[in-house]
Amino acid sequence: QLVSFLFFRTALARFRQAQLEEGKVKERRPFLASECNELPKAEKWRRQIIGEISKKVAQIQNAGLGEFRIRDLNDEINKLLREKGHWEFRIRELGGPDYAVSVYYLKWHSSISCVESQL
């Protein structure tokens, strides 16, 4: 068993090395948004988080899920939303757009439209 494990490990190491040489290794999102110093990459990580949130929201809408799984998904979504806020702050620091302002504007604009329609 040890021999097969070592063979698998060396095969995996060779595969990983080949990936590194070809440049096909997926880049991991930095743990801290402040570690990212490039605006395009920060926006890429924000988009990735939004995609993860979308997938989890779609999962949570499944009626067949148990209560504990729903709670776990909700916790994961909240964590991702918090992380998205960190990336948006970093994007603003790097000179990018302020995504939070557009959200507040949309909420304000829609509330004004509702009031106007009631008049």
PDB file of N, CA and C in Angstrom:
ATOM      1  N   GLN A   1       0.820  -1.191   0.000  1.00  0.00           N
ATOM      2  CA  GLN A   1       0.000   0.000   0.000  1.00  0.00           C
ATOM      3  C   GLN A   1       0.864   1.253   0.000  1.00  0.00           C
ATOM      4  N   LEU A   2       1.935   1.213   0.743  1.00  0.00           N
ATOM      5  CA  LEU A   2       2.816   2.371   0.810  1.00  0.00           C
ATOM      6  C   LEU A   2       3.441   2.640  -0.553  1.00  0.00           C
ATOM      7  N   VAL A   3       3.808   1.568  -1.251  1.00  0.00           N
ATOM      8  CA  VAL A   3       4.422   1.731  -2.567  1.00  0.00           C
ATOM      9  C   VAL A   3       3.428   2.367  -3.541  1.00  0.00           C
ATOM     10  N   SER A   4       2.180   1.893  -3.531  1.00  0.00           N
ATOM     11  CA  SER A   4       1.183   2.463  -4.447  1.00  0.00           C
ATOM     12  C   SER A   4       0.885   3.918  -4.075  1.00  0.00           C
ATOM     13  N   PHE A   5       0.875   4.229  -2.785  1.00  0.00           N
ATOM     14  CA  PHE A   5       0.660   5.611  -2.350  1.00  0.00           C
ATOM     15  C   PHE A   5       1.795   6.505  -2.834  1.00  0.00           C
ATOM     16  N   LEU A   6       3.033   6.030  -2.679  1.00  0.00           N
ATOM     17  CA  LEU A   6       4.179   6.823  -3.119  1.00  0.00           C
ATOM     18  C   LEU A   6       4.176   6.990  -4.634  1.00  0.00           C
ATOM     19  N   PHE A   7       3.798   5.926  -5.358  1.00  0.00           N
ATOM     20  CA  PHE A   7       3.724   6.033  -6.811  1.00  0.00           C
ATOM     21  C   PHE A   7       2.670   7.059  -7.213  1.00  0.00           C
ATOM     22  N   PHE A   8       1.493   6.994  -6.557  1.00  0.00           N
ATOM     23  CA  PHE A   8       0.431   7.960  -6.846  1.00  0.00           C
ATOM     24  C   PHE A   8       0.901   9.371  -6.537  1.00  0.00           C
ATOM     25  N   ARG A   9       1.580   9.533  -5.420  1.00  0.00           N
ATOM     26  CA  ARG A   9       2.047  10.859  -5.019  1.00  0.00           C
ATOM     27  C   ARG A   9       3.060  11.413  -6.021  1.00  0.00           C
ATOM     28  N   THR A  10       3.978  10.565  -6.487  1.00  0.00           N
ATOM     29  CA  THR A  10       4.957  11.048  -7.462  1.00  0.00           C
ATOM     30  C   THR A  10       4.286  11.326  -8.801  1.00  0.00           C
ATOM     31  N   ALA A  11       3.292  10.518  -9.169  1.00  0.00           N
ATOM     32  CA  ALA A  11       2.556  10.774 -10.411  1.00  0.00           C
ATOM     33  C   ALA A  11       1.805  12.098 -10.302  1.00  0.00           C
ATOM     34  N   LEU A  12       1.215  12.337  -9.147  1.00  0.00           N
ATOM     35  CA  LEU A  12       0.515  13.598  -8.926  1.00  0.00           C
ATOM     36  C   LEU A  12       1.491  14.772  -8.970  1.00  0.00           C
ATOM     37  N   ALA A  13       2.666  14.587  -8.394  1.00  0.00           N
ATOM     38  CA  ALA A  13       3.676  15.650  -8.413  1.00  0.00           C
ATOM     39  C   ALA A  13       4.127  15.940  -9.845  1.00  0.00           C
ATOM     40  N   ARG A  14       4.302  14.891 -10.648  1.00  0.00           N
ATOM     41  CA  ARG A  14       4.690  15.093 -12.048  1.00  0.00           C
ATOM     42  C   ARG A  14       3.592  15.826 -12.814  1.00  0.00           C
ATOM     43  N   PHE A  15       2.347  15.433 -12.573  1.00  0.00           N
ATOM     44  CA  PHE A  15       1.220  16.090 -13.235  1.00  0.00           C
ATOM     45  C   PHE A  15       1.152  17.561 -12.842  1.00  0.00           C
ATOM     46  N   ARG A  16       1.323  17.829 -11.567  1.00  0.00           N
ATOM     47  CA  ARG A  16       1.285  19.211 -11.064  1.00  0.00           C
ATOM     48  C   ARG A  16       2.424  20.036 -11.662  1.00  0.00           C
ATOM     49  N   GLN A  17       3.599  19.446 -11.748  1.00  0.00           N
ATOM     50  CA  GLN A  17       4.748  20.142 -12.332  1.00  0.00           C
ATOM     51  C   GLN A  17       4.494  20.453 -13.805  1.00  0.00           C
ATOM     52  N   ALA A  18       3.897  19.501 -14.517  1.00  0.00           N
ATOM     53  CA  ALA A  18       3.578  19.731 -15.928  1.00  0.00           C
ATOM     54  C   ALA A  18       2.564  20.863 -16.072  1.00  0.00           C
ATOM     55  N   GLN A  19       1.592  20.913 -15.165  1.00  0.00           N
ATOM     56  CA  GLN A  19       0.616  22.006 -15.195  1.00  0.00           C
ATOM     57  C   GLN A  19       1.289  23.347 -14.942  1.00  0.00           C
ATOM     58  N   LEU A  20       2.199  23.375 -13.990  1.00  0.00           N
ATOM     59  CA  LEU A  20       2.903  24.617 -13.680  1.00  0.00           C
ATOM     60  C   LEU A  20       3.703  25.105 -14.880  1.00  0.00           C
ATOM     61  N   GLU A  21       4.354  24.169 -15.558  1.00  0.00           N
ATOM     62  CA  GLU A  21       5.160  24.536 -16.719  1.00  0.00           C
ATOM     63  C   GLU A  21       4.292  25.059 -17.859  1.00  0.00           C
ATOM     64  N   GLU A  22       3.091  24.513 -18.002  1.00  0.00           N
ATOM     65  CA  GLU A  22       2.194  24.966 -19.063  1.00  0.00           C
ATOM     66  C   GLU A  22       1.430  26.218 -18.660  1.00  0.00           C
ATOM     67  N   GLY A  23       1.447  26.546 -17.392  1.00  0.00           N
ATOM     68  CA  GLY A  23       0.740  27.730 -16.916  1.00  0.00           C
ATOM     69  C   GLY A  23      -0.760  27.537 -16.799  1.00  0.00           C
ATOM     70  N   LYS A  24      -1.213  26.311 -16.617  1.00  0.00           N
ATOM     71  CA  LYS A  24      -2.642  26.032 -16.537  1.00  0.00           C
ATOM     72  C   LYS A  24      -3.123  25.834 -15.105  1.00  0.00           C
ATOM     73  N   VAL A  25      -2.344  26.198 -14.142  1.00  0.00           N
ATOM     74  CA  VAL A  25      -2.748  26.040 -12.754  1.00  0.00           C
ATOM     75  C   VAL A  25      -3.694  27.180 -12.403  1.00  0.00           C
ATOM     76  N   LYS A  26      -4.821  26.832 -11.802  1.00  0.00           N
ATOM     77  CA  LYS A  26      -5.778  27.856 -11.410  1.00  0.00           C
ATOM     78  C   LYS A  26      -5.180  28.727 -10.317  1.00  0.00           C
ATOM     79  N   GLU A  27      -5.353  30.003 -10.486  1.00  0.00           N
ATOM     80  CA  GLU A  27      -4.872  30.947  -9.481  1.00  0.00           C
ATOM     81  C   GLU A  27      -5.900  31.001  -8.356  1.00  0.00           C
ATOM     82  N   ARG A  28      -5.419  30.952  -7.133  1.00  0.00           N
ATOM     83  CA  ARG A  28      -6.316  30.976  -5.988  1.00  0.00           C
ATOM     84  C   ARG A  28      -6.572  32.404  -5.543  1.00  0.00           C
ATOM     85  N   ARG A  29      -7.787  32.640  -5.094  1.00  0.00           N
ATOM     86  CA  ARG A  29      -8.169  33.955  -4.612  1.00  0.00           C
ATOM     87  C   ARG A  29      -7.409  34.248  -3.324  1.00  0.00           C
ATOM     88  N   PRO A  30      -6.803  35.430  -3.212  1.00  0.00           N
ATOM     89  CA  PRO A  30      -6.089  35.772  -1.977  1.00  0.00           C
ATOM     90  C   PRO A  30      -7.026  35.752  -0.775  1.00  0.00           C
ATOM     91  N   PHE A  31      -6.501  35.341   0.356  1.00  0.00           N
ATOM     92  CA  PHE A  31      -7.307  35.276   1.572  1.00  0.00           C
ATOM     93  C   PHE A  31      -7.743  36.670   2.002  1.00  0.00           C
ATOM     94  N   LEU A  32      -6.846  37.634   1.878  1.00  0.00           N
ATOM     95  CA  LEU A  32      -7.155  39.024   2.217  1.00  0.00           C
ATOM     96  C   LEU A  32      -7.233  39.845   0.937  1.00  0.00           C
ATOM     97  N   ALA A  33      -8.278  40.631   0.812  1.00  0.00           N
ATOM     98  CA  ALA A  33      -8.428  41.478  -0.371  1.00  0.00           C
ATOM     99  C   ALA A  33      -7.298  42.498  -0.451  1.00  0.00           C
ATOM    100  N   SER A  34      -6.763  42.891   0.686  1.00  0.00           N
ATOM    101  CA  SER A  34      -5.696  43.897   0.702  1.00  0.00           C
ATOM    102  C   SER A  34      -4.396  43.376   0.098  1.00  0.00           C
ATOM    103  N   GLU A  35      -4.278  42.062  -0.095  1.00  0.00           N
ATOM    104  CA  GLU A  35      -3.078  41.490  -0.708  1.00  0.00           C
ATOM    105  C   GLU A  35      -3.075  41.672  -2.224  1.00  0.00           C
ATOM    106  N   CYS A  36      -4.216  42.015  -2.805  1.00  0.00           N
ATOM    107  CA  CYS A  36      -4.327  42.197  -4.253  1.00  0.00           C
ATOM    108  C   CYS A  36      -4.041  43.653  -4.595  1.00  0.00           C
ATOM    109  N   ASN A  37      -3.122  43.874  -5.531  1.00  0.00           N
ATOM    110  CA  ASN A  37      -2.743  45.234  -5.905  1.00  0.00           C
ATOM    111  C   ASN A  37      -3.076  45.575  -7.350  1.00  0.00           C
ATOM    112  N   GLU A  38      -3.827  44.729  -8.034  1.00  0.00           N
ATOM    113  CA  GLU A  38      -4.176  44.962  -9.429  1.00  0.00           C
ATOM    114  C   GLU A  38      -5.695  45.030  -9.558  1.00  0.00           C
ATOM    115  N   LEU A  39      -6.179  46.122 -10.129  1.00  0.00           N
ATOM    116  CA  LEU A  39      -7.621  46.338 -10.268  1.00  0.00           C
ATOM    117  C   LEU A  39      -8.314  45.245 -11.084  1.00  0.00           C
ATOM    118  N   PRO A  40      -7.782  44.834 -12.244  1.00  0.00           N
ATOM    119  CA  PRO A  40      -8.475  43.779 -13.011  1.00  0.00           C
ATOM    120  C   PRO A  40      -8.614  42.467 -12.234  1.00  0.00           C
ATOM    121  N   LYS A  41      -7.584  42.118 -11.476  1.00  0.00           N
ATOM    122  CA  LYS A  41      -7.663  40.882 -10.693  1.00  0.00           C
ATOM    123  C   LYS A  41      -8.681  41.018  -9.570  1.00  0.00           C
ATOM    124  N   ALA A  42      -8.716  42.181  -8.927  1.00  0.00           N
ATOM    125  CA  ALA A  42      -9.682  42.397  -7.851  1.00  0.00           C
ATOM    126  C   ALA A  42     -11.107  42.283  -8.391  1.00  0.00           C
ATOM    127  N   GLU A  43     -11.338  42.838  -9.575  1.00  0.00           N
ATOM    128  CA  GLU A  43     -12.669  42.729 -10.177  1.00  0.00           C
ATOM    129  C   GLU A  43     -12.973  41.292 -10.577  1.00  0.00           C
ATOM    130  N   LYS A  44     -11.955  40.549 -10.991  1.00  0.00           N
ATOM    131  CA  LYS A  44     -12.124  39.131 -11.328  1.00  0.00           C
ATOM    132  C   LYS A  44     -12.555  38.346 -10.092  1.00  0.00           C
ATOM    133  N   TRP A  45     -11.895  38.610  -8.958  1.00  0.00           N
ATOM    134  CA  TRP A  45     -12.236  37.892  -7.728  1.00  0.00           C
ATOM    135  C   TRP A  45     -13.644  38.257  -7.264  1.00  0.00           C
ATOM    136  N   ARG A  46     -14.032  39.523  -7.436  1.00  0.00           N
ATOM    137  CA  ARG A  46     -15.388  39.945  -7.067  1.00  0.00           C
ATOM    138  C   ARG A  46     -16.412  39.201  -7.921  1.00  0.00           C
ATOM    139  N   ARG A  47     -16.162  39.109  -9.229  1.00  0.00           N
ATOM    140  CA  ARG A  47     -17.077  38.379 -10.115  1.00  0.00           C
ATOM    141  C   ARG A  47     -17.157  36.903  -9.732  1.00  0.00           C
ATOM    142  N   GLN A  48     -16.022  36.335  -9.337  1.00  0.00           N
ATOM    143  CA  GLN A  48     -16.010  34.932  -8.927  1.00  0.00           C
ATOM    144  C   GLN A  48     -16.885  34.730  -7.688  1.00  0.00           C
ATOM    145  N   ILE A  49     -16.783  35.644  -6.742  1.00  0.00           N
ATOM    146  CA  ILE A  49     -17.590  35.552  -5.526  1.00  0.00           C
ATOM    147  C   ILE A  49     -19.072  35.676  -5.862  1.00  0.00           C
ATOM    148  N   ILE A  50     -19.411  36.600  -6.760  1.00  0.00           N
ATOM    149  CA  ILE A  50     -20.809  36.768  -7.160  1.00  0.00           C
ATOM    150  C   ILE A  50     -21.335  35.479  -7.788  1.00  0.00           C
ATOM    151  N   GLY A  51     -20.509  34.813  -8.583  1.00  0.00           N
ATOM    152  CA  GLY A  51     -20.906  33.532  -9.166  1.00  0.00           C
ATOM    153  C   GLY A  51     -21.154  32.473  -8.104  1.00  0.00           C
ATOM    154  N   GLU A  52     -20.283  32.430  -7.094  1.00  0.00           N
ATOM    155  CA  GLU A  52     -20.457  31.468  -6.005  1.00  0.00           C
ATOM    156  C   GLU A  52     -21.735  31.760  -5.228  1.00  0.00           C
ATOM    157  N   ILE A  53     -22.013  33.043  -4.996  1.00  0.00           N
ATOM    158  CA  ILE A  53     -23.242  33.424  -4.292  1.00  0.00           C
ATOM    159  C   ILE A  53     -24.454  32.975  -5.101  1.00  0.00           C
ATOM    160  N   SER A  54     -24.426  33.198  -6.401  1.00  0.00           N
ATOM    161  CA  SER A  54     -25.553  32.818  -7.265  1.00  0.00           C
ATOM    162  C   SER A  54     -25.814  31.317  -7.205  1.00  0.00           C
ATOM    163  N   LYS A  55     -24.748  30.527  -7.242  1.00  0.00           N
ATOM    164  CA  LYS A  55     -24.909  29.075  -7.179  1.00  0.00           C
ATOM    165  C   LYS A  55     -25.525  28.642  -5.855  1.00  0.00           C
ATOM    166  N   LYS A  56     -25.066  29.247  -4.768  1.00  0.00           N
ATOM    167  CA  LYS A  56     -25.576  28.861  -3.448  1.00  0.00           C
ATOM    168  C   LYS A  56     -27.019  29.319  -3.250  1.00  0.00           C
ATOM    169  N   VAL A  57     -27.374  30.480  -3.800  1.00  0.00           N
ATOM    170  CA  VAL A  57     -28.764  30.945  -3.718  1.00  0.00           C
ATOM    171  C   VAL A  57     -29.667  29.988  -4.493  1.00  0.00           C
ATOM    172  N   ALA A  58     -29.212  29.519  -5.647  1.00  0.00           N
ATOM    173  CA  ALA A  58     -29.995  28.550  -6.421  1.00  0.00           C
ATOM    174  C   ALA A  58     -30.158  27.249  -5.638  1.00  0.00           C
ATOM    175  N   GLN A  59     -29.121  26.828  -4.934  1.00  0.00           N
ATOM    176  CA  GLN A  59     -29.197  25.603  -4.138  1.00  0.00           C
ATOM    177  C   GLN A  59     -30.165  25.757  -2.980  1.00  0.00           C
ATOM    178  N   ILE A  60     -30.139  26.921  -2.341  1.00  0.00           N
ATOM    179  CA  ILE A  60     -30.955  27.127  -1.141  1.00  0.00           C
ATOM    180  C   ILE A  60     -32.440  27.167  -1.490  1.00  0.00           C
ATOM    181  N   GLN A  61     -32.772  27.439  -2.741  1.00  0.00           N
ATOM    182  CA  GLN A  61     -34.173  27.487  -3.160  1.00  0.00           C
ATOM    183  C   GLN A  61     -34.744  26.105  -3.449  1.00  0.00           C
ATOM    184  N   ASN A  62     -33.921  25.080  -3.335  1.00  0.00           N
ATOM    185  CA  ASN A  62     -34.374  23.703  -3.514  1.00  0.00           C
ATOM    186  C   ASN A  62     -35.243  23.314  -2.317  1.00  0.00           C
ATOM    187  N   ALA A  63     -36.487  22.954  -2.578  1.00  0.00           N
ATOM    188  CA  ALA A  63     -37.431  22.649  -1.503  1.00  0.00           C
ATOM    189  C   ALA A  63     -37.074  21.365  -0.758  1.00  0.00           C
ATOM    190  N   GLY A  64     -36.292  20.502  -1.356  1.00  0.00           N
ATOM    191  CA  GLY A  64     -35.978  19.223  -0.738  1.00  0.00           C
ATOM    192  C   GLY A  64     -34.850  19.260   0.280  1.00  0.00           C
ATOM    193  N   LEU A  65     -34.249  20.410   0.487  1.00  0.00           N
ATOM    194  CA  LEU A  65     -33.136  20.497   1.428  1.00  0.00           C
ATOM    195  C   LEU A  65     -33.636  20.473   2.866  1.00  0.00           C
ATOM    196  N   GLY A  66     -32.839  19.892   3.723  1.00  0.00           N
ATOM    197  CA  GLY A  66     -33.169  19.888   5.137  1.00  0.00           C
ATOM    198  C   GLY A  66     -32.826  21.219   5.788  1.00  0.00           C
ATOM    199  N   GLU A  67     -33.338  21.397   6.988  1.00  0.00           N
ATOM    200  CA  GLU A  67     -33.140  22.664   7.697  1.00  0.00           C
ATOM    201  C   GLU A  67     -31.668  22.951   7.956  1.00  0.00           C
ATOM    202  N   PHE A  68     -30.911  21.929   8.340  1.00  0.00           N
ATOM    203  CA  PHE A  68     -29.498  22.147   8.660  1.00  0.00           C
ATOM    204  C   PHE A  68     -28.701  22.532   7.419  1.00  0.00           C
ATOM    205  N   ARG A  69     -29.015  21.910   6.285  1.00  0.00           N
ATOM    206  CA  ARG A  69     -28.315  22.253   5.035  1.00  0.00           C
ATOM    207  C   ARG A  69     -28.652  23.682   4.610  1.00  0.00           C
ATOM    208  N   ILE A  70     -29.908  24.075   4.797  1.00  0.00           N
ATOM    209  CA  ILE A  70     -30.311  25.446   4.473  1.00  0.00           C
ATOM    210  C   ILE A  70     -29.557  26.436   5.352  1.00  0.00           C
ATOM    211  N   ARG A  71     -29.443  26.117   6.635  1.00  0.00           N
ATOM    212  CA  ARG A  71     -28.702  27.006   7.547  1.00  0.00           C
ATOM    213  C   ARG A  71     -27.235  27.108   7.148  1.00  0.00           C
ATOM    214  N   ASP A  72     -26.648  25.967   6.781  1.00  0.00           N
ATOM    215  CA  ASP A  72     -25.244  25.974   6.351  1.00  0.00           C
ATOM    216  C   ASP A  72     -25.063  26.819   5.093  1.00  0.00           C
ATOM    217  N   LEU A  73     -25.957  26.638   4.126  1.00  0.00           N
ATOM    218  CA  LEU A  73     -25.877  27.430   2.896  1.00  0.00           C
ATOM    219  C   LEU A  73     -26.057  28.915   3.191  1.00  0.00           C
ATOM    220  N   ASN A  74     -26.981  29.234   4.087  1.00  0.00           N
ATOM    221  CA  ASN A  74     -27.206  30.627   4.452  1.00  0.00           C
ATOM    222  C   ASN A  74     -25.954  31.228   5.084  1.00  0.00           C
ATOM    223  N   ASP A  75     -25.307  30.467   5.955  1.00  0.00           N
ATOM    224  CA  ASP A  75     -24.059  30.948   6.569  1.00  0.00           C
ATOM    225  C   ASP A  75     -22.985  31.177   5.511  1.00  0.00           C
ATOM    226  N   GLU A  76     -22.877  30.251   4.552  1.00  0.00           N
ATOM    227  CA  GLU A  76     -21.880  30.394   3.486  1.00  0.00           C
ATOM    228  C   GLU A  76     -22.178  31.611   2.614  1.00  0.00           C
ATOM    229  N   ILE A  77     -23.459  31.840   2.317  1.00  0.00           N
ATOM    230  CA  ILE A  77     -23.845  33.007   1.512  1.00  0.00           C
ATOM    231  C   ILE A  77     -23.498  34.289   2.251  1.00  0.00           C
ATOM    232  N   ASN A  78     -23.804  34.340   3.543  1.00  0.00           N
ATOM    233  CA  ASN A  78     -23.481  35.536   4.330  1.00  0.00           C
ATOM    234  C   ASN A  78     -21.979  35.789   4.363  1.00  0.00           C
ATOM    235  N   LYS A  79     -21.198  34.722   4.481  1.00  0.00           N
ATOM    236  CA  LYS A  79     -19.740  34.866   4.478  1.00  0.00           C
ATOM    237  C   LYS A  79     -19.262  35.416   3.134  1.00  0.00           C
ATOM    238  N   LEU A  80     -19.825  34.894   2.043  1.00  0.00           N
ATOM    239  CA  LEU A  80     -19.443  35.369   0.711  1.00  0.00           C
ATOM    240  C   LEU A  80     -19.861  36.824   0.495  1.00  0.00           C
ATOM    241  N   LEU A  81     -21.027  37.213   1.004  1.00  0.00           N
ATOM    242  CA  LEU A  81     -21.462  38.607   0.878  1.00  0.00           C
ATOM    243  C   LEU A  81     -20.514  39.540   1.624  1.00  0.00           C
ATOM    244  N   ARG A  82     -20.080  39.106   2.790  1.00  0.00           N
ATOM    245  CA  ARG A  82     -19.117  39.905   3.562  1.00  0.00           C
ATOM    246  C   ARG A  82     -17.799  40.018   2.796  1.00  0.00           C
ATOM    247  N   GLU A  83     -17.359  38.903   2.218  1.00  0.00           N
ATOM    248  CA  GLU A  83     -16.113  38.909   1.443  1.00  0.00           C
ATOM    249  C   GLU A  83     -16.247  39.788   0.199  1.00  0.00           C
ATOM    250  N   LYS A  84     -17.412  39.763  -0.434  1.00  0.00           N
ATOM    251  CA  LYS A  84     -17.656  40.617  -1.605  1.00  0.00           C
ATOM    252  C   LYS A  84     -17.522  42.084  -1.220  1.00  0.00           C
ATOM    253  N   GLY A  85     -18.002  42.429  -0.038  1.00  0.00           N
ATOM    254  CA  GLY A  85     -17.863  43.804   0.446  1.00  0.00           C
ATOM    255  C   GLY A  85     -16.409  44.197   0.617  1.00  0.00           C
ATOM    256  N   HIS A  86     -15.582  43.267   1.110  1.00  0.00           N
ATOM    257  CA  HIS A  86     -14.144  43.552   1.252  1.00  0.00           C
ATOM    258  C   HIS A  86     -13.509  43.801  -0.111  1.00  0.00           C
ATOM    259  N   TRP A  87     -13.882  42.994  -1.106  1.00  0.00           N
ATOM    260  CA  TRP A  87     -13.323  43.169  -2.448  1.00  0.00           C
ATOM    261  C   TRP A  87     -13.798  44.475  -3.071  1.00  0.00           C
ATOM    262  N   GLU A  88     -15.059  44.843  -2.833  1.00  0.00           N
ATOM    263  CA  GLU A  88     -15.561  46.113  -3.370  1.00  0.00           C
ATOM    264  C   GLU A  88     -14.825  47.294  -2.749  1.00  0.00           C
ATOM    265  N   PHE A  89     -14.527  47.198  -1.464  1.00  0.00           N
ATOM    266  CA  PHE A  89     -13.760  48.250  -0.801  1.00  0.00           C
ATOM    267  C   PHE A  89     -12.361  48.336  -1.402  1.00  0.00           C
ATOM    268  N   ARG A  90     -11.743  47.172  -1.649  1.00  0.00           N
ATOM    269  CA  ARG A  90     -10.395  47.147  -2.235  1.00  0.00           C
ATOM    270  C   ARG A  90     -10.410  47.707  -3.655  1.00  0.00           C
ATOM    271  N   ILE A  91     -11.438  47.382  -4.413  1.00  0.00           N
ATOM    272  CA  ILE A  91     -11.560  47.911  -5.776  1.00  0.00           C
ATOM    273  C   ILE A  91     -11.653  49.429  -5.734  1.00  0.00           C
ATOM    274  N   ARG A  92     -12.417  49.947  -4.787  1.00  0.00           N
ATOM    275  CA  ARG A  92     -12.528  51.395  -4.635  1.00  0.00           C
ATOM    276  C   ARG A  92     -11.174  52.001  -4.273  1.00  0.00           C
ATOM    277  N   GLU A  93     -10.409  51.322  -3.409  1.00  0.00           N
ATOM    278  CA  GLU A  93      -9.069  51.798  -3.034  1.00  0.00           C
ATOM    279  C   GLU A  93      -8.131  51.830  -4.243  1.00  0.00           C
ATOM    280  N   LEU A  94      -8.287  50.872  -5.144  1.00  0.00           N
ATOM    281  CA  LEU A  94      -7.415  50.786  -6.320  1.00  0.00           C
ATOM    282  C   LEU A  94      -7.857  51.721  -7.449  1.00  0.00           C
ATOM    283  N   GLY A  95      -8.909  52.492  -7.220  1.00  0.00           N
ATOM    284  CA  GLY A  95      -9.355  53.459  -8.217  1.00  0.00           C
ATOM    285  C   GLY A  95     -10.450  52.952  -9.131  1.00  0.00           C
ATOM    286  N   GLY A  96     -11.076  51.867  -8.762  1.00  0.00           N
ATOM    287  CA  GLY A  96     -12.151  51.312  -9.572  1.00  0.00           C
ATOM    288  C   GLY A  96     -13.497  51.899  -9.199  1.00  0.00           C
ATOM    289  N   PRO A  97     -14.561  51.377  -9.803  1.00  0.00           N
ATOM    290  CA  PRO A  97     -15.903  51.904  -9.523  1.00  0.00           C
ATOM    291  C   PRO A  97     -16.364  51.574  -8.109  1.00  0.00           C
ATOM    292  N   ASP A  98     -17.262  52.415  -7.606  1.00  0.00           N
ATOM    293  CA  ASP A  98     -17.839  52.200  -6.282  1.00  0.00           C
ATOM    294  C   ASP A  98     -19.153  51.444  -6.464  1.00  0.00           C
ATOM    295  N   TYR A  99     -19.110  50.128  -6.315  1.00  0.00           N
ATOM    296  CA  TYR A  99     -20.288  49.303  -6.545  1.00  0.00           C
ATOM    297  C   TYR A  99     -21.363  49.539  -5.500  1.00  0.00           C
ATOM    298  N   ALA A 100     -20.994  49.893  -4.296  1.00  0.00           N
ATOM    299  CA  ALA A 100     -21.969  50.107  -3.231  1.00  0.00           C
ATOM    300  C   ALA A 100     -22.873  51.291  -3.553  1.00  0.00           C
ATOM    301  N   VAL A 101     -22.340  52.341  -4.150  1.00  0.00           N
ATOM    302  CA  VAL A 101     -23.141  53.515  -4.480  1.00  0.00           C
ATOM    303  C   VAL A 101     -24.223  53.149  -5.482  1.00  0.00           C
ATOM    304  N   SER A 102     -23.905  52.334  -6.469  1.00  0.00           N
ATOM    305  CA  SER A 102     -24.903  51.972  -7.473  1.00  0.00           C
ATOM    306  C   SER A 102     -26.042  51.173  -6.846  1.00  0.00           C
ATOM    307  N   VAL A 103     -25.737  50.342  -5.856  1.00  0.00           N
ATOM    308  CA  VAL A 103     -26.784  49.575  -5.176  1.00  0.00           C
ATOM    309  C   VAL A 103     -27.688  50.523  -4.407  1.00  0.00           C
ATOM    310  N   TYR A 104     -27.102  51.474  -3.672  1.00  0.00           N
ATOM    311  CA  TYR A 104     -27.907  52.425  -2.918  1.00  0.00           C
ATOM    312  C   TYR A 104     -28.734  53.291  -3.857  1.00  0.00           C
ATOM    313  N   TYR A 105     -28.170  53.674  -4.997  1.00  0.00           N
ATOM    314  CA  TYR A 105     -28.905  54.483  -5.956  1.00  0.00           C
ATOM    315  C   TYR A 105     -30.110  53.714  -6.489  1.00  0.00           C
ATOM    316  N   LEU A 106     -29.911  52.439  -6.816  1.00  0.00           N
ATOM    317  CA  LEU A 106     -31.020  51.642  -7.332  1.00  0.00           C
ATOM    318  C   LEU A 106     -32.128  51.519  -6.299  1.00  0.00           C
ATOM    319  N   LYS A 107     -31.760  51.310  -5.025  1.00  0.00           N
ATOM    320  CA  LYS A 107     -32.772  51.220  -3.971  1.00  0.00           C
ATOM    321  C   LYS A 107     -33.508  52.546  -3.840  1.00  0.00           C
ATOM    322  N   TRP A 108     -32.759  53.649  -3.856  1.00  0.00           N
ATOM    323  CA  TRP A 108     -33.363  54.969  -3.720  1.00  0.00           C
ATOM    324  C   TRP A 108     -34.264  55.262  -4.909  1.00  0.00           C
ATOM    325  N   HIS A 109     -33.775  54.975  -6.113  1.00  0.00           N
ATOM    326  CA  HIS A 109     -34.534  55.247  -7.331  1.00  0.00           C
ATOM    327  C   HIS A 109     -35.822  54.424  -7.360  1.00  0.00           C
ATOM    328  N   SER A 110     -35.743  53.161  -6.970  1.00  0.00           N
ATOM    329  CA  SER A 110     -36.943  52.321  -6.993  1.00  0.00           C
ATOM    330  C   SER A 110     -37.946  52.776  -5.941  1.00  0.00           C
ATOM    331  N   SER A 111     -37.469  53.263  -4.791  1.00  0.00           N
ATOM    332  CA  SER A 111     -38.405  53.747  -3.773  1.00  0.00           C
ATOM    333  C   SER A 111     -39.080  55.030  -4.241  1.00  0.00           C
ATOM    334  N   ILE A 112     -38.361  55.893  -4.954  1.00  0.00           N
ATOM    335  CA  ILE A 112     -38.951  57.115  -5.505  1.00  0.00           C
ATOM    336  C   ILE A 112     -40.004  56.748  -6.548  1.00  0.00           C
ATOM    337  N   SER A 113     -39.708  55.764  -7.391  1.00  0.00           N
ATOM    338  CA  SER A 113     -40.657  55.338  -8.419  1.00  0.00           C
ATOM    339  C   SER A 113     -41.934  54.797  -7.792  1.00  0.00           C
ATOM    340  N   CYS A 114     -41.794  54.067  -6.683  1.00  0.00           N
ATOM    341  CA  CYS A 114     -42.966  53.526  -5.996  1.00  0.00           C
ATOM    342  C   CYS A 114     -43.830  54.656  -5.447  1.00  0.00           C
ATOM    343  N   VAL A 115     -43.195  55.673  -4.871  1.00  0.00           N
ATOM    344  CA  VAL A 115     -43.929  56.809  -4.315  1.00  0.00           C
ATOM    345  C   VAL A 115     -44.636  57.559  -5.437  1.00  0.00           C
ATOM    346  N   GLU A 116     -43.954  57.774  -6.568  1.00  0.00           N
ATOM    347  CA  GLU A 116     -44.556  58.490  -7.694  1.00  0.00           C
ATOM    348  C   GLU A 116     -45.750  57.730  -8.262  1.00  0.00           C
ATOM    349  N   SER A 117     -45.669  56.402  -8.296  1.00  0.00           N
ATOM    350  CA  SER A 117     -46.770  55.621  -8.854  1.00  0.00           C
ATOM    351  C   SER A 117     -47.990  55.645  -7.941  1.00  0.00           C
ATOM    352  N   GLN A 118     -47.780  55.897  -6.644  1.00  0.00           N
ATOM    353  CA  GLN A 118     -48.897  55.962  -5.711  1.00  0.00           C
ATOM    354  C   GLN A 118     -49.602  57.313  -5.763  1.00  0.00           C
ATOM    355  N   LEU A 119     -48.947  58.343  -6.340  1.00  0.00           N
ATOM    356  CA  LEU A 119     -49.552  59.684  -6.402  1.00  0.00           C
ATOM    357  C   LEU A 119     -50.599  59.800  -7.461  1.00  0.00           C
TER     358      LEU A 119
END
